[in-house]
Amino acid sequence: CDENDWKPLYYRVDRIVNIVEHRKRFEI
């Protein structure tokens, strides 16, 4: 969200220990 280069990043799902959902929706 804090970058404008639209470079896709990869995150292993099993290494994500917490997920916080924000009210903001995004558009591609």
PDB file of all heavy atoms in Angstrom:
ATOM      1  N   CYS A   1       0.817  -1.209   0.000  1.00  0.00           N
ATOM      2  CA  CYS A   1       0.000   0.000   0.000  1.00  0.00           C
ATOM      3  C   CYS A   1       0.855   1.265   0.000  1.00  0.00           C
ATOM      4  O   CYS A   1       0.399   2.324  -0.460  1.00  0.00           O
ATOM      5  CB  CYS A   1      -0.920   0.009   1.222  1.00  0.00           C
ATOM      6  SG  CYS A   1      -2.204  -1.268   1.175  1.00  0.00           S
ATOM      7  N   ASP A   2       2.071   1.173   0.530  1.00  0.00           N
ATOM      8  CA  ASP A   2       2.924   2.355   0.630  1.00  0.00           C
ATOM      9  C   ASP A   2       3.918   2.468  -0.519  1.00  0.00           C
ATOM     10  O   ASP A   2       4.873   3.247  -0.466  1.00  0.00           O
ATOM     11  CB  ASP A   2       3.677   2.353   1.965  1.00  0.00           C
ATOM     12  CG  ASP A   2       4.493   1.076   2.163  1.00  0.00           C
ATOM     13  OD1 ASP A   2       4.371   0.160   1.324  1.00  0.00           O
ATOM     14  OD2 ASP A   2       5.244   0.994   3.152  1.00  0.00           O
ATOM     15  N   GLU A   3       3.719   1.682  -1.587  1.00  0.00           N
ATOM     16  CA  GLU A   3       4.574   1.751  -2.771  1.00  0.00           C
ATOM     17  C   GLU A   3       3.701   1.976  -4.002  1.00  0.00           C
ATOM     18  O   GLU A   3       2.569   1.514  -4.063  1.00  0.00           O
ATOM     19  CB  GLU A   3       5.374   0.450  -2.949  1.00  0.00           C
ATOM     20  CG  GLU A   3       6.278   0.099  -1.777  1.00  0.00           C
ATOM     21  CD  GLU A   3       7.531   0.958  -1.731  1.00  0.00           C
ATOM     22  OE1 GLU A   3       7.794   1.666  -2.728  1.00  0.00           O
ATOM     23  OE2 GLU A   3       8.237   0.930  -0.710  1.00  0.00           O
ATOM     24  N   ASN A   4       4.243   2.666  -4.978  1.00  0.00           N
ATOM     25  CA  ASN A   4       3.490   2.943  -6.203  1.00  0.00           C
ATOM     26  C   ASN A   4       4.058   2.227  -7.420  1.00  0.00           C
ATOM     27  O   ASN A   4       3.676   2.540  -8.551  1.00  0.00           O
ATOM     28  CB  ASN A   4       3.466   4.462  -6.470  1.00  0.00           C
ATOM     29  CG  ASN A   4       2.703   5.226  -5.403  1.00  0.00           C
ATOM     30  OD1 ASN A   4       1.640   4.792  -4.968  1.00  0.00           O
ATOM     31  ND2 ASN A   4       3.241   6.360  -4.993  1.00  0.00           N
ATOM     32  N   ASP A   5       4.968   1.281  -7.197  1.00  0.00           N
ATOM     33  CA  ASP A   5       5.597   0.631  -8.351  1.00  0.00           C
ATOM     34  C   ASP A   5       4.802  -0.577  -8.857  1.00  0.00           C
ATOM     35  O   ASP A   5       5.131  -1.173  -9.874  1.00  0.00           O
ATOM     36  CB  ASP A   5       7.016   0.183  -7.997  1.00  0.00           C
ATOM     37  CG  ASP A   5       7.060  -0.757  -6.792  1.00  0.00           C
ATOM     38  OD1 ASP A   5       5.977  -1.122  -6.274  1.00  0.00           O
ATOM     39  OD2 ASP A   5       8.168  -1.128  -6.383  1.00  0.00           O
ATOM     40  N   TRP A   6       3.739  -0.977  -8.115  1.00  0.00           N
ATOM     41  CA  TRP A   6       2.902  -2.110  -8.504  1.00  0.00           C
ATOM     42  C   TRP A   6       3.742  -3.364  -8.754  1.00  0.00           C
ATOM     43  O   TRP A   6       3.498  -4.124  -9.678  1.00  0.00           O
ATOM     44  CB  TRP A   6       2.044  -1.784  -9.735  1.00  0.00           C
ATOM     45  CG  TRP A   6       1.024  -0.745  -9.447  1.00  0.00           C
ATOM     46  CD1 TRP A   6       1.106   0.582  -9.746  1.00  0.00           C
ATOM     47  CD2 TRP A   6      -0.216  -0.927  -8.756  1.00  0.00           C
ATOM     48  NE1 TRP A   6      -0.009   1.241  -9.293  1.00  0.00           N
ATOM     49  CE2 TRP A   6      -0.844   0.343  -8.692  1.00  0.00           C
ATOM     50  CE3 TRP A   6      -0.857  -2.035  -8.198  1.00  0.00           C
ATOM     51  CZ2 TRP A   6      -2.069   0.521  -8.080  1.00  0.00           C
ATOM     52  CZ3 TRP A   6      -2.092  -1.856  -7.600  1.00  0.00           C
ATOM     53  CH2 TRP A   6      -2.687  -0.582  -7.538  1.00  0.00           C
ATOM     54  N   LYS A   7       4.718  -3.550  -7.898  1.00  0.00           N
ATOM     55  CA  LYS A   7       5.561  -4.751  -7.987  1.00  0.00           C
ATOM     56  C   LYS A   7       4.943  -5.834  -7.110  1.00  0.00           C
ATOM     57  O   LYS A   7       4.798  -5.663  -5.903  1.00  0.00           O
ATOM     58  CB  LYS A   7       6.976  -4.445  -7.516  1.00  0.00           C
ATOM     59  CG  LYS A   7       7.909  -5.637  -7.564  1.00  0.00           C
ATOM     60  CD  LYS A   7       9.289  -5.267  -7.056  1.00  0.00           C
ATOM     61  CE  LYS A   7      10.216  -6.476  -7.058  1.00  0.00           C
ATOM     62  NZ  LYS A   7      11.560  -6.116  -6.526  1.00  0.00           N
ATOM     63  N   PRO A   8       4.552  -6.981  -7.689  1.00  0.00           N
ATOM     64  CA  PRO A   8       3.942  -8.039  -6.860  1.00  0.00           C
ATOM     65  C   PRO A   8       4.961  -8.654  -5.906  1.00  0.00           C
ATOM     66  O   PRO A   8       6.097  -8.941  -6.280  1.00  0.00           O
ATOM     67  CB  PRO A   8       3.462  -9.063  -7.895  1.00  0.00           C
ATOM     68  CG  PRO A   8       4.306  -8.824  -9.103  1.00  0.00           C
ATOM     69  CD  PRO A   8       4.639  -7.362  -9.107  1.00  0.00           C
ATOM     70  N   LEU A   9       4.535  -8.821  -4.659  1.00  0.00           N
ATOM     71  CA  LEU A   9       5.373  -9.434  -3.632  1.00  0.00           C
ATOM     72  C   LEU A   9       4.734 -10.739  -3.183  1.00  0.00           C
ATOM     73  O   LEU A   9       3.511 -10.869  -3.170  1.00  0.00           O
ATOM     74  CB  LEU A   9       5.542  -8.481  -2.449  1.00  0.00           C
ATOM     75  CG  LEU A   9       6.175  -7.129  -2.775  1.00  0.00           C
ATOM     76  CD1 LEU A   9       6.131  -6.220  -1.557  1.00  0.00           C
ATOM     77  CD2 LEU A   9       7.614  -7.300  -3.258  1.00  0.00           C
ATOM     78  N   TYR A  10       5.573 -11.704  -2.769  1.00  0.00           N
ATOM     79  CA  TYR A  10       5.098 -13.031  -2.396  1.00  0.00           C
ATOM     80  C   TYR A  10       5.299 -13.257  -0.904  1.00  0.00           C
ATOM     81  O   TYR A  10       6.386 -13.029  -0.374  1.00  0.00           O
ATOM     82  CB  TYR A  10       5.852 -14.115  -3.173  1.00  0.00           C
ATOM     83  CG  TYR A  10       5.881 -13.920  -4.679  1.00  0.00           C
ATOM     84  CD1 TYR A  10       6.887 -14.488  -5.441  1.00  0.00           C
ATOM     85  CD2 TYR A  10       4.911 -13.170  -5.332  1.00  0.00           C
ATOM     86  CE1 TYR A  10       6.923 -14.315  -6.825  1.00  0.00           C
ATOM     87  CE2 TYR A  10       4.931 -12.990  -6.698  1.00  0.00           C
ATOM     88  CZ  TYR A  10       5.940 -13.563  -7.442  1.00  0.00           C
ATOM     89  OH  TYR A  10       5.972 -13.381  -8.806  1.00  0.00           O
ATOM     90  N   TYR A  11       4.232 -13.704  -0.252  1.00  0.00           N
ATOM     91  CA  TYR A  11       4.283 -13.995   1.173  1.00  0.00           C
ATOM     92  C   TYR A  11       3.821 -15.429   1.403  1.00  0.00           C
ATOM     93  O   TYR A  11       2.723 -15.799   0.976  1.00  0.00           O
ATOM     94  CB  TYR A  11       3.362 -13.049   1.961  1.00  0.00           C
ATOM     95  CG  TYR A  11       3.689 -11.587   1.827  1.00  0.00           C
ATOM     96  CD1 TYR A  11       3.160 -10.827   0.779  1.00  0.00           C
ATOM     97  CD2 TYR A  11       4.508 -10.950   2.754  1.00  0.00           C
ATOM     98  CE1 TYR A  11       3.451  -9.482   0.650  1.00  0.00           C
ATOM     99  CE2 TYR A  11       4.801  -9.603   2.639  1.00  0.00           C
ATOM    100  CZ  TYR A  11       4.280  -8.873   1.578  1.00  0.00           C
ATOM    101  OH  TYR A  11       4.568  -7.530   1.456  1.00  0.00           O
ATOM    102  N   ARG A  12       4.639 -16.228   2.062  1.00  0.00           N
ATOM    103  CA  ARG A  12       4.200 -17.581   2.388  1.00  0.00           C
ATOM    104  C   ARG A  12       3.080 -17.503   3.419  1.00  0.00           C
ATOM    105  O   ARG A  12       3.236 -16.899   4.476  1.00  0.00           O
ATOM    106  CB  ARG A  12       5.373 -18.409   2.915  1.00  0.00           C
ATOM    107  CG  ARG A  12       5.908 -19.373   1.886  1.00  0.00           C
ATOM    108  CD  ARG A  12       7.044 -20.201   2.344  1.00  0.00           C
ATOM    109  NE  ARG A  12       6.897 -20.799   3.658  1.00  0.00           N
ATOM    110  CZ  ARG A  12       7.888 -21.441   4.279  1.00  0.00           C
ATOM    111  NH1 ARG A  12       9.062 -21.563   3.683  1.00  0.00           N
ATOM    112  NH2 ARG A  12       7.691 -21.956   5.466  1.00  0.00           N
ATOM    113  N   VAL A  13       1.965 -18.140   3.104  1.00  0.00           N
ATOM    114  CA  VAL A  13       0.777 -18.044   3.957  1.00  0.00           C
ATOM    115  C   VAL A  13       1.036 -18.599   5.351  1.00  0.00           C
ATOM    116  O   VAL A  13       0.532 -18.072   6.348  1.00  0.00           O
ATOM    117  CB  VAL A  13      -0.409 -18.776   3.281  1.00  0.00           C
ATOM    118  CG1 VAL A  13      -1.590 -18.903   4.232  1.00  0.00           C
ATOM    119  CG2 VAL A  13      -0.830 -18.032   2.018  1.00  0.00           C
ATOM    120  N   ASP A  14       1.857 -19.645   5.465  1.00  0.00           N
ATOM    121  CA  ASP A  14       2.111 -20.251   6.776  1.00  0.00           C
ATOM    122  C   ASP A  14       3.005 -19.383   7.660  1.00  0.00           C
ATOM    123  O   ASP A  14       3.134 -19.653   8.851  1.00  0.00           O
ATOM    124  CB  ASP A  14       2.735 -21.636   6.596  1.00  0.00           C
ATOM    125  CG  ASP A  14       4.054 -21.582   5.840  1.00  0.00           C
ATOM    126  OD1 ASP A  14       4.025 -21.376   4.606  1.00  0.00           O
ATOM    127  OD2 ASP A  14       5.106 -21.731   6.470  1.00  0.00           O
ATOM    128  N   ARG A  15       3.628 -18.355   7.091  1.00  0.00           N
ATOM    129  CA  ARG A  15       4.451 -17.443   7.891  1.00  0.00           C
ATOM    130  C   ARG A  15       3.691 -16.204   8.335  1.00  0.00           C
ATOM    131  O   ARG A  15       4.234 -15.361   9.031  1.00  0.00           O
ATOM    132  CB  ARG A  15       5.687 -17.007   7.082  1.00  0.00           C
ATOM    133  CG  ARG A  15       6.737 -18.080   6.902  1.00  0.00           C
ATOM    134  CD  ARG A  15       7.941 -17.474   6.219  1.00  0.00           C
ATOM    135  NE  ARG A  15       8.944 -18.461   5.873  1.00  0.00           N
ATOM    136  CZ  ARG A  15       9.864 -18.285   4.928  1.00  0.00           C
ATOM    137  NH1 ARG A  15       9.879 -17.152   4.254  1.00  0.00           N
ATOM    138  NH2 ARG A  15      10.741 -19.208   4.657  1.00  0.00           N
ATOM    139  N   ILE A  16       2.449 -16.078   7.899  1.00  0.00           N
ATOM    140  CA  ILE A  16       1.613 -14.945   8.328  1.00  0.00           C
ATOM    141  C   ILE A  16       0.962 -15.317   9.656  1.00  0.00           C
ATOM    142  O   ILE A  16       0.131 -16.218   9.718  1.00  0.00           O
ATOM    143  CB  ILE A  16       0.533 -14.631   7.276  1.00  0.00           C
ATOM    144  CG1 ILE A  16       1.184 -14.230   5.945  1.00  0.00           C
ATOM    145  CG2 ILE A  16      -0.387 -13.513   7.775  1.00  0.00           C
ATOM    146  CD1 ILE A  16       0.194 -14.031   4.811  1.00  0.00           C
ATOM    147  N   VAL A  17       1.347 -14.626  10.715  1.00  0.00           N
ATOM    148  CA  VAL A  17       0.870 -15.004  12.049  1.00  0.00           C
ATOM    149  C   VAL A  17      -0.312 -14.151  12.513  1.00  0.00           C
ATOM    150  O   VAL A  17      -0.970 -14.492  13.497  1.00  0.00           O
ATOM    151  CB  VAL A  17       2.017 -14.927  13.089  1.00  0.00           C
ATOM    152  CG1 VAL A  17       3.080 -15.953  12.757  1.00  0.00           C
ATOM    153  CG2 VAL A  17       2.624 -13.533  13.146  1.00  0.00           C
ATOM    154  N   ASN A  18      -0.573 -13.049  11.805  1.00  0.00           N
ATOM    155  CA  ASN A  18      -1.727 -12.221  12.180  1.00  0.00           C
ATOM    156  C   ASN A  18      -2.189 -11.426  10.958  1.00  0.00           C
ATOM    157  O   ASN A  18      -1.366 -10.965  10.162  1.00  0.00           O
ATOM    158  CB  ASN A  18      -1.364 -11.254  13.310  1.00  0.00           C
ATOM    159  CG  ASN A  18      -2.585 -10.548  13.868  1.00  0.00           C
ATOM    160  OD1 ASN A  18      -3.616 -11.186  14.120  1.00  0.00           O
ATOM    161  ND2 ASN A  18      -2.494  -9.248  14.048  1.00  0.00           N
ATOM    162  N   ILE A  19      -3.498 -11.303  10.819  1.00  0.00           N
ATOM    163  CA  ILE A  19      -4.094 -10.556   9.703  1.00  0.00           C
ATOM    164  C   ILE A  19      -5.098  -9.567  10.275  1.00  0.00           C
ATOM    165  O   ILE A  19      -6.013  -9.960  11.007  1.00  0.00           O
ATOM    166  CB  ILE A  19      -4.810 -11.495   8.708  1.00  0.00           C
ATOM    167  CG1 ILE A  19      -3.848 -12.561   8.172  1.00  0.00           C
ATOM    168  CG2 ILE A  19      -5.423 -10.689   7.556  1.00  0.00           C
ATOM    169  CD1 ILE A  19      -4.550 -13.673   7.398  1.00  0.00           C
ATOM    170  N   VAL A  20      -4.927  -8.286   9.959  1.00  0.00           N
ATOM    171  CA  VAL A  20      -5.862  -7.244  10.381  1.00  0.00           C
ATOM    172  C   VAL A  20      -6.541  -6.687   9.136  1.00  0.00           C
ATOM    173  O   VAL A  20      -5.863  -6.231   8.204  1.00  0.00           O
ATOM    174  CB  VAL A  20      -5.150  -6.110  11.140  1.00  0.00           C
ATOM    175  CG1 VAL A  20      -6.134  -4.993  11.484  1.00  0.00           C
ATOM    176  CG2 VAL A  20      -4.495  -6.653  12.409  1.00  0.00           C
ATOM    177  N   GLU A  21      -7.876  -6.728   9.120  1.00  0.00           N
ATOM    178  CA  GLU A  21      -8.629  -6.199   7.989  1.00  0.00           C
ATOM    179  C   GLU A  21      -8.974  -4.728   8.246  1.00  0.00           C
ATOM    180  O   GLU A  21      -9.443  -4.373   9.326  1.00  0.00           O
ATOM    181  CB  GLU A  21      -9.908  -7.000   7.778  1.00  0.00           C
ATOM    182  CG  GLU A  21      -9.660  -8.478   7.478  1.00  0.00           C
ATOM    183  CD  GLU A  21     -10.948  -9.271   7.296  1.00  0.00           C
ATOM    184  OE1 GLU A  21     -11.979  -8.636   6.956  1.00  0.00           O
ATOM    185  OE2 GLU A  21     -10.925 -10.495   7.506  1.00  0.00           O
ATOM    186  N   HIS A  22      -8.725  -3.897   7.239  1.00  0.00           N
ATOM    187  CA  HIS A  22      -9.041  -2.474   7.345  1.00  0.00           C
ATOM    188  C   HIS A  22     -10.362  -2.170   6.657  1.00  0.00           C
ATOM    189  O   HIS A  22     -10.854  -2.957   5.845  1.00  0.00           O
ATOM    190  CB  HIS A  22      -7.911  -1.640   6.728  1.00  0.00           C
ATOM    191  CG  HIS A  22      -6.582  -1.842   7.398  1.00  0.00           C
ATOM    192  ND1 HIS A  22      -6.315  -1.403   8.677  1.00  0.00           N
ATOM    193  CD2 HIS A  22      -5.448  -2.469   6.980  1.00  0.00           C
ATOM    194  CE1 HIS A  22      -5.074  -1.732   9.013  1.00  0.00           C
ATOM    195  NE2 HIS A  22      -4.527  -2.388   7.993  1.00  0.00           N
ATOM    196  N   ARG A  23     -10.914  -1.033   6.964  1.00  0.00           N
ATOM    197  CA  ARG A  23     -12.182  -0.640   6.356  1.00  0.00           C
ATOM    198  C   ARG A  23     -11.999  -0.201   4.908  1.00  0.00           C
ATOM    199  O   ARG A  23     -12.945  -0.192   4.123  1.00  0.00           O
ATOM    200  CB  ARG A  23     -12.822   0.495   7.160  1.00  0.00           C
ATOM    201  CG  ARG A  23     -13.253   0.073   8.568  1.00  0.00           C
ATOM    202  CD  ARG A  23     -13.945   1.219   9.283  1.00  0.00           C
ATOM    203  NE  ARG A  23     -14.377   0.831  10.623  1.00  0.00           N
ATOM    204  CZ  ARG A  23     -15.005   1.634  11.463  1.00  0.00           C
ATOM    205  NH1 ARG A  23     -15.270   2.899  11.089  1.00  0.00           N
ATOM    206  NH2 ARG A  23     -15.362   1.213  12.667  1.00  0.00           N
ATOM    207  N   LYS A  24     -10.796   0.170   4.563  1.00  0.00           N
ATOM    208  CA  LYS A  24     -10.535   0.708   3.228  1.00  0.00           C
ATOM    209  C   LYS A  24     -10.534  -0.396   2.168  1.00  0.00           C
ATOM    210  O   LYS A  24      -9.924  -1.436   2.346  1.00  0.00           O
ATOM    211  CB  LYS A  24      -9.194   1.443   3.206  1.00  0.00           C
ATOM    212  CG  LYS A  24      -8.913   2.148   1.885  1.00  0.00           C
ATOM    213  CD  LYS A  24      -7.605   2.940   1.952  1.00  0.00           C
ATOM    214  CE  LYS A  24      -7.322   3.625   0.622  1.00  0.00           C
ATOM    215  NZ  LYS A  24      -6.055   4.384   0.652  1.00  0.00           N
ATOM    216  N   ARG A  25     -11.232  -0.146   1.069  1.00  0.00           N
ATOM    217  CA  ARG A  25     -11.199  -1.030  -0.088  1.00  0.00           C
ATOM    218  C   ARG A  25     -10.198  -0.481  -1.095  1.00  0.00           C
ATOM    219  O   ARG A  25      -9.945   0.722  -1.146  1.00  0.00           O
ATOM    220  CB  ARG A  25     -12.581  -1.134  -0.744  1.00  0.00           C
ATOM    221  CG  ARG A  25     -13.681  -1.704   0.142  1.00  0.00           C
ATOM    222  CD  ARG A  25     -13.382  -3.141   0.539  1.00  0.00           C
ATOM    223  NE  ARG A  25     -14.550  -3.850   1.013  1.00  0.00           N
ATOM    224  CZ  ARG A  25     -14.970  -3.907   2.260  1.00  0.00           C
ATOM    225  NH1 ARG A  25     -14.306  -3.256   3.195  1.00  0.00           N
ATOM    226  NH2 ARG A  25     -16.033  -4.606   2.603  1.00  0.00           N
ATOM    227  N   PHE A  26      -9.622  -1.368  -1.898  1.00  0.00           N
ATOM    228  CA  PHE A  26      -8.646  -0.918  -2.896  1.00  0.00           C
ATOM    229  C   PHE A  26      -9.112  -1.264  -4.300  1.00  0.00           C
ATOM    230  O   PHE A  26      -9.970  -2.116  -4.504  1.00  0.00           O
ATOM    231  CB  PHE A  26      -7.268  -1.549  -2.625  1.00  0.00           C
ATOM    232  CG  PHE A  26      -7.225  -3.051  -2.775  1.00  0.00           C
ATOM    233  CD1 PHE A  26      -6.986  -3.642  -4.012  1.00  0.00           C
ATOM    234  CD2 PHE A  26      -7.404  -3.882  -1.677  1.00  0.00           C
ATOM    235  CE1 PHE A  26      -6.945  -5.017  -4.158  1.00  0.00           C
ATOM    236  CE2 PHE A  26      -7.364  -5.267  -1.807  1.00  0.00           C
ATOM    237  CZ  PHE A  26      -7.129  -5.832  -3.051  1.00  0.00           C
ATOM    238  N   GLU A  27      -8.549  -0.560  -5.251  1.00  0.00           N
ATOM    239  CA  GLU A  27      -8.787  -0.833  -6.661  1.00  0.00           C
ATOM    240  C   GLU A  27      -7.450  -1.050  -7.354  1.00  0.00           C
ATOM    241  O   GLU A  27      -6.461  -0.386  -7.025  1.00  0.00           O
ATOM    242  CB  GLU A  27      -9.540   0.322  -7.333  1.00  0.00           C
ATOM    243  CG  GLU A  27     -10.963   0.501  -6.824  1.00  0.00           C
ATOM    244  CD  GLU A  27     -11.704   1.594  -7.574  1.00  0.00           C
ATOM    245  OE1 GLU A  27     -11.124   2.134  -8.552  1.00  0.00           O
ATOM    246  OE2 GLU A  27     -12.848   1.904  -7.187  1.00  0.00           O
ATOM    247  N   ILE A  28      -7.428  -1.984  -8.308  1.00  0.00           N
ATOM    248  CA  ILE A  28      -6.205  -2.253  -9.063  1.00  0.00           C
ATOM    249  C   ILE A  28      -6.213  -1.395 -10.320  1.00  0.00           C
ATOM    250  O   ILE A  28      -7.182  -1.413 -11.087  1.00  0.00           O
ATOM    251  CB  ILE A  28      -6.105  -3.741  -9.455  1.00  0.00           C
ATOM    252  CG1 ILE A  28      -6.140  -4.623  -8.194  1.00  0.00           C
ATOM    253  CG2 ILE A  28      -4.839  -4.003 -10.254  1.00  0.00           C
ATOM    254  CD1 ILE A  28      -4.988  -4.419  -7.259  1.00  0.00           C
TER     255      ILE A  28
END
